[in-house]
């Protein structure tokens, strides 16, 4: 396994990590490891679609486009005919 050293960590972040680790009964190293695992580990593929759908819902709200795939396919076919 790899080793990571973090230099120039702000004092307030260091203190917050110390408190967070203590509240969870972990060492600071174990808490930092857990945080990095949660943030960096790719989510399961099924979660990808759910997160994407949530993002689309937030972006478009009630004005969500319909039949996007069908429209995209029709546009590509039209482009292919002109080539």
PDB file of N, CA and C in Angstrom:
ATOM      1  N   UNK A   1       0.835  -1.190   0.000  1.00  0.00           N
ATOM      2  CA  UNK A   1       0.000   0.000   0.000  1.00  0.00           C
ATOM      3  C   UNK A   1       0.876   1.249   0.000  1.00  0.00           C
ATOM      4  N   UNK A   2       0.339   2.307  -0.530  1.00  0.00           N
ATOM      5  CA  UNK A   2       1.075   3.566  -0.627  1.00  0.00           C
ATOM      6  C   UNK A   2       1.000   4.350   0.673  1.00  0.00           C
ATOM      7  N   UNK A   3       1.933   5.275   0.826  1.00  0.00           N
ATOM      8  CA  UNK A   3       1.982   6.159   1.978  1.00  0.00           C
ATOM      9  C   UNK A   3       1.816   7.583   1.499  1.00  0.00           C
ATOM     10  N   UNK A   4       1.110   8.390   2.268  1.00  0.00           N
ATOM     11  CA  UNK A   4       0.855   9.779   1.906  1.00  0.00           C
ATOM     12  C   UNK A   4       1.184  10.672   3.089  1.00  0.00           C
ATOM     13  N   UNK A   5       1.951  11.719   2.842  1.00  0.00           N
ATOM     14  CA  UNK A   5       2.225  12.735   3.860  1.00  0.00           C
ATOM     15  C   UNK A   5       1.595  14.029   3.383  1.00  0.00           C
ATOM     16  N   UNK A   6       0.941  14.735   4.276  1.00  0.00           N
ATOM     17  CA  UNK A   6       0.306  16.004   3.921  1.00  0.00           C
ATOM     18  C   UNK A   6       1.014  17.115   4.672  1.00  0.00           C
ATOM     19  N   UNK A   7       1.656  17.998   3.913  1.00  0.00           N
ATOM     20  CA  UNK A   7       2.365  19.121   4.516  1.00  0.00           C
ATOM     21  C   UNK A   7       1.501  20.368   4.430  1.00  0.00           C
ATOM     22  N   UNK A   8       1.801  21.329   5.266  1.00  0.00           N
ATOM     23  CA  UNK A   8       1.145  22.646   5.271  1.00  0.00           C
ATOM     24  C   UNK A   8      -0.365  22.540   5.462  1.00  0.00           C
ATOM     25  N   UNK A   9      -0.784  21.618   6.301  1.00  0.00           N
ATOM     26  CA  UNK A   9      -2.198  21.489   6.639  1.00  0.00           C
ATOM     27  C   UNK A   9      -2.552  22.617   7.598  1.00  0.00           C
ATOM     28  N   UNK A  10      -3.552  23.423   7.286  1.00  0.00           N
ATOM     29  CA  UNK A  10      -3.914  24.529   8.187  1.00  0.00           C
ATOM     30  C   UNK A  10      -4.258  24.009   9.592  1.00  0.00           C
ATOM     31  N   UNK A  11      -3.902  24.807  10.588  1.00  0.00           N
ATOM     32  CA  UNK A  11      -4.117  24.404  11.975  1.00  0.00           C
ATOM     33  C   UNK A  11      -5.577  24.107  12.282  1.00  0.00           C
ATOM     34  N   UNK A  12      -6.499  24.898  11.718  1.00  0.00           N
ATOM     35  CA  UNK A  12      -7.920  24.669  12.002  1.00  0.00           C
ATOM     36  C   UNK A  12      -8.406  23.349  11.407  1.00  0.00           C
ATOM     37  N   UNK A  13      -7.876  22.963  10.249  1.00  0.00           N
ATOM     38  CA  UNK A  13      -8.246  21.680   9.641  1.00  0.00           C
ATOM     39  C   UNK A  13      -7.657  20.535  10.461  1.00  0.00           C
ATOM     40  N   UNK A  14      -6.444  20.699  10.915  1.00  0.00           N
ATOM     41  CA  UNK A  14      -5.808  19.689  11.765  1.00  0.00           C
ATOM     42  C   UNK A  14      -6.627  19.476  13.034  1.00  0.00           C
ATOM     43  N   UNK A  15      -7.047  20.571  13.651  1.00  0.00           N
ATOM     44  CA  UNK A  15      -7.855  20.478  14.875  1.00  0.00           C
ATOM     45  C   UNK A  15      -9.206  19.831  14.592  1.00  0.00           C
ATOM     46  N   UNK A  16      -9.816  20.195  13.479  1.00  0.00           N
ATOM     47  CA  UNK A  16     -11.123  19.617  13.128  1.00  0.00           C
ATOM     48  C   UNK A  16     -10.993  18.116  12.874  1.00  0.00           C
ATOM     49  N   UNK A  17      -9.911  17.709  12.220  1.00  0.00           N
ATOM     50  CA  UNK A  17      -9.687  16.282  11.979  1.00  0.00           C
ATOM     51  C   UNK A  17      -9.471  15.545  13.287  1.00  0.00           C
ATOM     52  N   UNK A  18      -8.744  16.163  14.204  1.00  0.00           N
ATOM     53  CA  UNK A  18      -8.507  15.550  15.518  1.00  0.00           C
ATOM     54  C   UNK A  18      -9.834  15.331  16.257  1.00  0.00           C
ATOM     55  N   UNK A  19     -10.696  16.332  16.259  1.00  0.00           N
ATOM     56  CA  UNK A  19     -12.000  16.227  16.925  1.00  0.00           C
ATOM     57  C   UNK A  19     -12.869  15.185  16.240  1.00  0.00           C
ATOM     58  N   UNK A  20     -12.912  15.251  14.900  1.00  0.00           N
ATOM     59  CA  UNK A  20     -13.726  14.295  14.138  1.00  0.00           C
ATOM     60  C   UNK A  20     -13.279  12.860  14.421  1.00  0.00           C
ATOM     61  N   UNK A  21     -11.976  12.634  14.443  1.00  0.00           N
ATOM     62  CA  UNK A  21     -11.446  11.297  14.721  1.00  0.00           C
ATOM     63  C   UNK A  21     -11.814  10.849  16.135  1.00  0.00           C
ATOM     64  N   UNK A  22     -11.681  11.746  17.093  1.00  0.00           N
ATOM     65  CA  UNK A  22     -11.999  11.396  18.485  1.00  0.00           C
ATOM     66  C   UNK A  22     -13.471  11.042  18.638  1.00  0.00           C
ATOM     67  N   UNK A  23     -14.335  11.786  17.973  1.00  0.00           N
ATOM     68  CA  UNK A  23     -15.773  11.502  18.051  1.00  0.00           C
ATOM     69  C   UNK A  23     -16.126  10.133  17.483  1.00  0.00           C
ATOM     70  N   UNK A  24     -15.324   9.651  16.568  1.00  0.00           N
ATOM     71  CA  UNK A  24     -15.577   8.362  15.941  1.00  0.00           C
ATOM     72  C   UNK A  24     -14.712   7.241  16.529  1.00  0.00           C
ATOM     73  N   UNK A  25     -13.901   7.586  17.525  1.00  0.00           N
ATOM     74  CA  UNK A  25     -13.064   6.583  18.165  1.00  0.00           C
ATOM     75  C   UNK A  25     -11.944   6.081  17.267  1.00  0.00           C
ATOM     76  N   UNK A  26     -11.432   6.949  16.409  1.00  0.00           N
ATOM     77  CA  UNK A  26     -10.371   6.567  15.491  1.00  0.00           C
ATOM     78  C   UNK A  26      -9.153   7.446  15.724  1.00  0.00           C
ATOM     79  N   UNK A  27      -8.033   6.985  15.190  1.00  0.00           N
ATOM     80  CA  UNK A  27      -6.850   7.834  15.154  1.00  0.00           C
ATOM     81  C   UNK A  27      -7.059   8.863  14.044  1.00  0.00           C
ATOM     82  N   UNK A  28      -6.257   9.909  14.069  1.00  0.00           N
ATOM     83  CA  UNK A  28      -6.350  10.906  13.000  1.00  0.00           C
ATOM     84  C   UNK A  28      -6.018  10.275  11.655  1.00  0.00           C
ATOM     85  N   UNK A  29      -5.040   9.389  11.647  1.00  0.00           N
ATOM     86  CA  UNK A  29      -4.661   8.715  10.405  1.00  0.00           C
ATOM     87  C   UNK A  29      -5.817   7.877   9.863  1.00  0.00           C
ATOM     88  N   UNK A  30      -6.457   7.115  10.742  1.00  0.00           N
ATOM     89  CA  UNK A  30      -7.579   6.281  10.315  1.00  0.00           C
ATOM     90  C   UNK A  30      -8.746   7.140   9.821  1.00  0.00           C
ATOM     91  N   UNK A  31      -8.989   8.248  10.477  1.00  0.00           N
ATOM     92  CA  UNK A  31     -10.079   9.133  10.057  1.00  0.00           C
ATOM     93  C   UNK A  31      -9.775   9.761   8.698  1.00  0.00           C
ATOM     94  N   UNK A  32      -8.546  10.224   8.501  1.00  0.00           N
ATOM     95  CA  UNK A  32      -8.153  10.798   7.218  1.00  0.00           C
ATOM     96  C   UNK A  32      -8.263   9.744   6.122  1.00  0.00           C
ATOM     97  N   UNK A  33      -7.848   8.520   6.416  1.00  0.00           N
ATOM     98  CA  UNK A  33      -7.952   7.426   5.454  1.00  0.00           C
ATOM     99  C   UNK A  33      -9.410   7.185   5.069  1.00  0.00           C
ATOM    100  N   UNK A  34     -10.285   7.159   6.062  1.00  0.00           N
ATOM    101  CA  UNK A  34     -11.704   6.919   5.803  1.00  0.00           C
ATOM    102  C   UNK A  34     -12.302   8.037   4.947  1.00  0.00           C
ATOM    103  N   UNK A  35     -11.945   9.270   5.238  1.00  0.00           N
ATOM    104  CA  UNK A  35     -12.433  10.412   4.459  1.00  0.00           C
ATOM    105  C   UNK A  35     -11.978  10.289   3.012  1.00  0.00           C
ATOM    106  N   UNK A  36     -10.707   9.976   2.804  1.00  0.00           N
ATOM    107  CA  UNK A  36     -10.186   9.839   1.439  1.00  0.00           C
ATOM    108  C   UNK A  36     -10.852   8.688   0.695  1.00  0.00           C
ATOM    109  N   UNK A  37     -11.090   7.591   1.375  1.00  0.00           N
ATOM    110  CA  UNK A  37     -11.765   6.452   0.746  1.00  0.00           C
ATOM    111  C   UNK A  37     -13.172   6.857   0.311  1.00  0.00           C
ATOM    112  N   UNK A  38     -13.909   7.526   1.189  1.00  0.00           N
ATOM    113  CA  UNK A  38     -15.273   7.930   0.856  1.00  0.00           C
ATOM    114  C   UNK A  38     -15.315   8.901  -0.318  1.00  0.00           C
ATOM    115  N   UNK A  39     -14.371   9.808  -0.366  1.00  0.00           N
ATOM    116  CA  UNK A  39     -14.372  10.840  -1.402  1.00  0.00           C
ATOM    117  C   UNK A  39     -13.845  10.312  -2.730  1.00  0.00           C
ATOM    118  N   UNK A  40     -12.831   9.466  -2.686  1.00  0.00           N
ATOM    119  CA  UNK A  40     -12.141   9.061  -3.912  1.00  0.00           C
ATOM    120  C   UNK A  40     -12.623   7.746  -4.516  1.00  0.00           C
ATOM    121  N   UNK A  41     -13.242   6.905  -3.740  1.00  0.00           N
ATOM    122  CA  UNK A  41     -13.685   5.612  -4.255  1.00  0.00           C
ATOM    123  C   UNK A  41     -14.846   5.828  -5.219  1.00  0.00           C
ATOM    124  N   UNK A  42     -14.749   5.265  -6.420  1.00  0.00           N
ATOM    125  CA  UNK A  42     -15.844   5.464  -7.372  1.00  0.00           C
ATOM    126  C   UNK A  42     -17.131   4.806  -6.868  1.00  0.00           C
ATOM    127  N   UNK A  43     -18.260   5.479  -7.063  1.00  0.00           N
ATOM    128  CA  UNK A  43     -19.529   4.900  -6.617  1.00  0.00           C
ATOM    129  C   UNK A  43     -19.910   3.715  -7.497  1.00  0.00           C
ATOM    130  N   UNK A  44     -20.771   2.855  -7.011  1.00  0.00           N
ATOM    131  CA  UNK A  44     -21.242   1.746  -7.842  1.00  0.00           C
ATOM    132  C   UNK A  44     -21.927   2.296  -9.096  1.00  0.00           C
ATOM    133  N   UNK A  45     -21.908   1.530 -10.155  1.00  0.00           N
ATOM    134  CA  UNK A  45     -22.471   1.986 -11.429  1.00  0.00           C
ATOM    135  C   UNK A  45     -23.943   2.380 -11.306  1.00  0.00           C
ATOM    136  N   UNK A  46     -24.713   1.699 -10.498  1.00  0.00           N
ATOM    137  CA  UNK A  46     -26.134   2.042 -10.355  1.00  0.00           C
ATOM    138  C   UNK A  46     -26.306   3.426  -9.744  1.00  0.00           C
ATOM    139  N   UNK A  47     -25.362   3.831  -8.889  1.00  0.00           N
ATOM    140  CA  UNK A  47     -25.440   5.153  -8.279  1.00  0.00           C
ATOM    141  C   UNK A  47     -25.134   6.235  -9.296  1.00  0.00           C
ATOM    142  N   UNK A  48     -24.331   5.911 -10.323  1.00  0.00           N
ATOM    143  CA  UNK A  48     -24.001   6.887 -11.355  1.00  0.00           C
ATOM    144  C   UNK A  48     -25.264   7.414 -12.022  1.00  0.00           C
ATOM    145  N   UNK A  49     -26.160   6.514 -12.394  1.00  0.00           N
ATOM    146  CA  UNK A  49     -27.389   6.931 -13.066  1.00  0.00           C
ATOM    147  C   UNK A  49     -28.263   7.751 -12.134  1.00  0.00           C
ATOM    148  N   UNK A  50     -28.362   7.342 -10.890  1.00  0.00           N
ATOM    149  CA  UNK A  50     -29.197   8.078  -9.939  1.00  0.00           C
ATOM    150  C   UNK A  50     -28.649   9.490  -9.723  1.00  0.00           C
ATOM    151  N   UNK A  51     -27.326   9.610  -9.615  1.00  0.00           N
ATOM    152  CA  UNK A  51     -26.730  10.933  -9.446  1.00  0.00           C
ATOM    153  C   UNK A  51     -26.909  11.782 -10.695  1.00  0.00           C
ATOM    154  N   UNK A  52     -26.772  11.165 -11.853  1.00  0.00           N
ATOM    155  CA  UNK A  52     -26.971  11.893 -13.106  1.00  0.00           C
ATOM    156  C   UNK A  52     -28.412  12.366 -13.221  1.00  0.00           C
ATOM    157  N   UNK A  53     -29.358  11.512 -12.881  1.00  0.00           N
ATOM    158  CA  UNK A  53     -30.766  11.888 -12.949  1.00  0.00           C
ATOM    159  C   UNK A  53     -31.065  13.028 -11.983  1.00  0.00           C
ATOM    160  N   UNK A  54     -30.495  12.979 -10.799  1.00  0.00           N
ATOM    161  CA  UNK A  54     -30.685  14.051  -9.818  1.00  0.00           C
ATOM    162  C   UNK A  54     -30.121  15.367 -10.349  1.00  0.00           C
ATOM    163  N   UNK A  55     -28.953  15.303 -10.978  1.00  0.00           N
ATOM    164  CA  UNK A  55     -28.340  16.507 -11.558  1.00  0.00           C
ATOM    165  C   UNK A  55     -29.215  17.079 -12.670  1.00  0.00           C
ATOM    166  N   UNK A  56     -29.730  16.218 -13.542  1.00  0.00           N
ATOM    167  CA  UNK A  56     -30.608  16.677 -14.633  1.00  0.00           C
ATOM    168  C   UNK A  56     -31.859  17.321 -14.052  1.00  0.00           C
ATOM    169  N   UNK A  57     -32.439  16.698 -13.046  1.00  0.00           N
ATOM    170  CA  UNK A  57     -33.636  17.269 -12.414  1.00  0.00           C
ATOM    171  C   UNK A  57     -33.352  18.651 -11.828  1.00  0.00           C
ATOM    172  N   UNK A  58     -32.198  18.806 -11.204  1.00  0.00           N
ATOM    173  CA  UNK A  58     -31.840  20.106 -10.630  1.00  0.00           C
ATOM    174  C   UNK A  58     -31.601  21.149 -11.716  1.00  0.00           C
ATOM    175  N   UNK A  59     -30.951  20.736 -12.797  1.00  0.00           N
ATOM    176  CA  UNK A  59     -30.620  21.679 -13.867  1.00  0.00           C
ATOM    177  C   UNK A  59     -31.856  22.167 -14.616  1.00  0.00           C
ATOM    178  N   UNK A  60     -32.758  21.246 -14.938  1.00  0.00           N
ATOM    179  CA  UNK A  60     -33.886  21.592 -15.794  1.00  0.00           C
ATOM    180  C   UNK A  60     -35.179  21.866 -15.043  1.00  0.00           C
ATOM    181  N   UNK A  61     -35.304  21.317 -13.842  1.00  0.00           N
ATOM    182  CA  UNK A  61     -36.542  21.518 -13.088  1.00  0.00           C
ATOM    183  C   UNK A  61     -37.746  21.035 -13.891  1.00  0.00           C
ATOM    184  N   UNK A  62     -38.747  21.891 -14.035  1.00  0.00           N
ATOM    185  CA  UNK A  62     -39.965  21.525 -14.766  1.00  0.00           C
ATOM    186  C   UNK A  62     -39.798  21.623 -16.279  1.00  0.00           C
ATOM    187  N   UNK A  63     -38.677  22.138 -16.746  1.00  0.00           N
ATOM    188  CA  UNK A  63     -38.465  22.343 -18.178  1.00  0.00           C
ATOM    189  C   UNK A  63     -37.545  21.274 -18.762  1.00  0.00           C
ATOM    190  N   UNK A  64     -37.642  20.069 -18.242  1.00  0.00           N
ATOM    191  CA  UNK A  64     -36.779  18.981 -18.676  1.00  0.00           C
ATOM    192  C   UNK A  64     -37.122  18.584 -20.118  1.00  0.00           C
ATOM    193  N   UNK A  65     -36.094  18.460 -20.997  1.00  0.00           N
ATOM    194  CA  UNK A  65     -36.361  18.076 -22.379  1.00  0.00           C
ATOM    195  C   UNK A  65     -36.850  16.632 -22.461  1.00  0.00           C
ATOM    196  N   UNK A  66     -37.606  16.340 -23.489  1.00  0.00           N
ATOM    197  CA  UNK A  66     -38.108  14.983 -23.702  1.00  0.00           C
ATOM    198  C   UNK A  66     -37.553  14.454 -25.018  1.00  0.00           C
ATOM    199  N   UNK A  67     -37.507  13.176 -25.148  1.00  0.00           N
ATOM    200  CA  UNK A  67     -37.068  12.486 -26.356  1.00  0.00           C
ATOM    201  C   UNK A  67     -35.695  12.960 -26.830  1.00  0.00           C
ATOM    202  N   UNK A  68     -34.798  13.188 -25.913  1.00  0.00           N
ATOM    203  CA  UNK A  68     -33.466  13.681 -26.252  1.00  0.00           C
ATOM    204  C   UNK A  68     -32.708  12.666 -27.103  1.00  0.00           C
ATOM    205  N   UNK A  69     -32.794  11.412 -26.750  1.00  0.00           N
ATOM    206  CA  UNK A  69     -32.053  10.384 -27.483  1.00  0.00           C
ATOM    207  C   UNK A  69     -32.577  10.273 -28.906  1.00  0.00           C
ATOM    208  N   UNK A  70     -33.892  10.240 -29.066  1.00  0.00           N
ATOM    209  CA  UNK A  70     -34.468  10.155 -30.409  1.00  0.00           C
ATOM    210  C   UNK A  70     -34.074  11.350 -31.262  1.00  0.00           C
ATOM    211  N   UNK A  71     -34.075  12.531 -30.676  1.00  0.00           N
ATOM    212  CA  UNK A  71     -33.686  13.739 -31.402  1.00  0.00           C
ATOM    213  C   UNK A  71     -32.212  13.676 -31.796  1.00  0.00           C
ATOM    214  N   UNK A  72     -31.362  13.224 -30.895  1.00  0.00           N
ATOM    215  CA  UNK A  72     -29.935  13.118 -31.176  1.00  0.00           C
ATOM    216  C   UNK A  72     -29.674  12.116 -32.305  1.00  0.00           C
ATOM    217  N   UNK A  73     -30.344  10.984 -32.266  1.00  0.00           N
ATOM    218  CA  UNK A  73     -30.179   9.981 -33.320  1.00  0.00           C
ATOM    219  C   UNK A  73     -30.629  10.548 -34.668  1.00  0.00           C
ATOM    220  N   UNK A  74     -31.748  11.244 -34.693  1.00  0.00           N
ATOM    221  CA  UNK A  74     -32.239  11.842 -35.940  1.00  0.00           C
ATOM    222  C   UNK A  74     -31.256  12.876 -36.476  1.00  0.00           C
ATOM    223  N   UNK A  75     -30.678  13.678 -35.609  1.00  0.00           N
ATOM    224  CA  UNK A  75     -29.690  14.683 -36.035  1.00  0.00           C
ATOM    225  C   UNK A  75     -28.465  14.013 -36.621  1.00  0.00           C
ATOM    226  N   UNK A  76     -27.969  12.944 -35.977  1.00  0.00           N
ATOM    227  CA  UNK A  76     -26.792  12.244 -36.482  1.00  0.00           C
ATOM    228  C   UNK A  76     -27.071  11.587 -37.830  1.00  0.00           C
ATOM    229  N   UNK A  77     -28.266  11.027 -38.001  1.00  0.00           N
ATOM    230  CA  UNK A  77     -28.612  10.420 -39.288  1.00  0.00           C
ATOM    231  C   UNK A  77     -28.671  11.472 -40.379  1.00  0.00           C
ATOM    232  N   UNK A  78     -29.215  12.631 -40.062  1.00  0.00           N
ATOM    233  CA  UNK A  78     -29.279  13.715 -41.047  1.00  0.00           C
ATOM    234  C   UNK A  78     -27.877  14.185 -41.412  1.00  0.00           C
ATOM    235  N   UNK A  79     -27.002  14.296 -40.438  1.00  0.00           N
ATOM    236  CA  UNK A  79     -25.620  14.688 -40.708  1.00  0.00           C
ATOM    237  C   UNK A  79     -24.921  13.661 -41.568  1.00  0.00           C
ATOM    238  N   UNK A  80     -25.181  12.376 -41.299  1.00  0.00           N
ATOM    239  CA  UNK A  80     -24.535  11.304 -42.058  1.00  0.00           C
ATOM    240  C   UNK A  80     -24.985  11.325 -43.524  1.00  0.00           C
ATOM    241  N   UNK A  81     -26.213  11.701 -43.789  1.00  0.00           N
ATOM    242  CA  UNK A  81     -26.723  11.762 -45.160  1.00  0.00           C
ATOM    243  C   UNK A  81     -26.050  12.864 -45.965  1.00  0.00           C
ATOM    244  N   UNK A  82     -25.637  13.923 -45.277  1.00  0.00           N
ATOM    245  CA  UNK A  82     -25.008  15.046 -45.955  1.00  0.00           C
ATOM    246  C   UNK A  82     -23.514  14.825 -46.198  1.00  0.00           C
ATOM    247  N   UNK A  83     -22.939  13.797 -45.617  1.00  0.00           N
ATOM    248  CA  UNK A  83     -21.502  13.546 -45.792  1.00  0.00           C
ATOM    249  C   UNK A  83     -21.207  12.783 -47.040  1.00  0.00           C
TER     250      UNK A  83
END
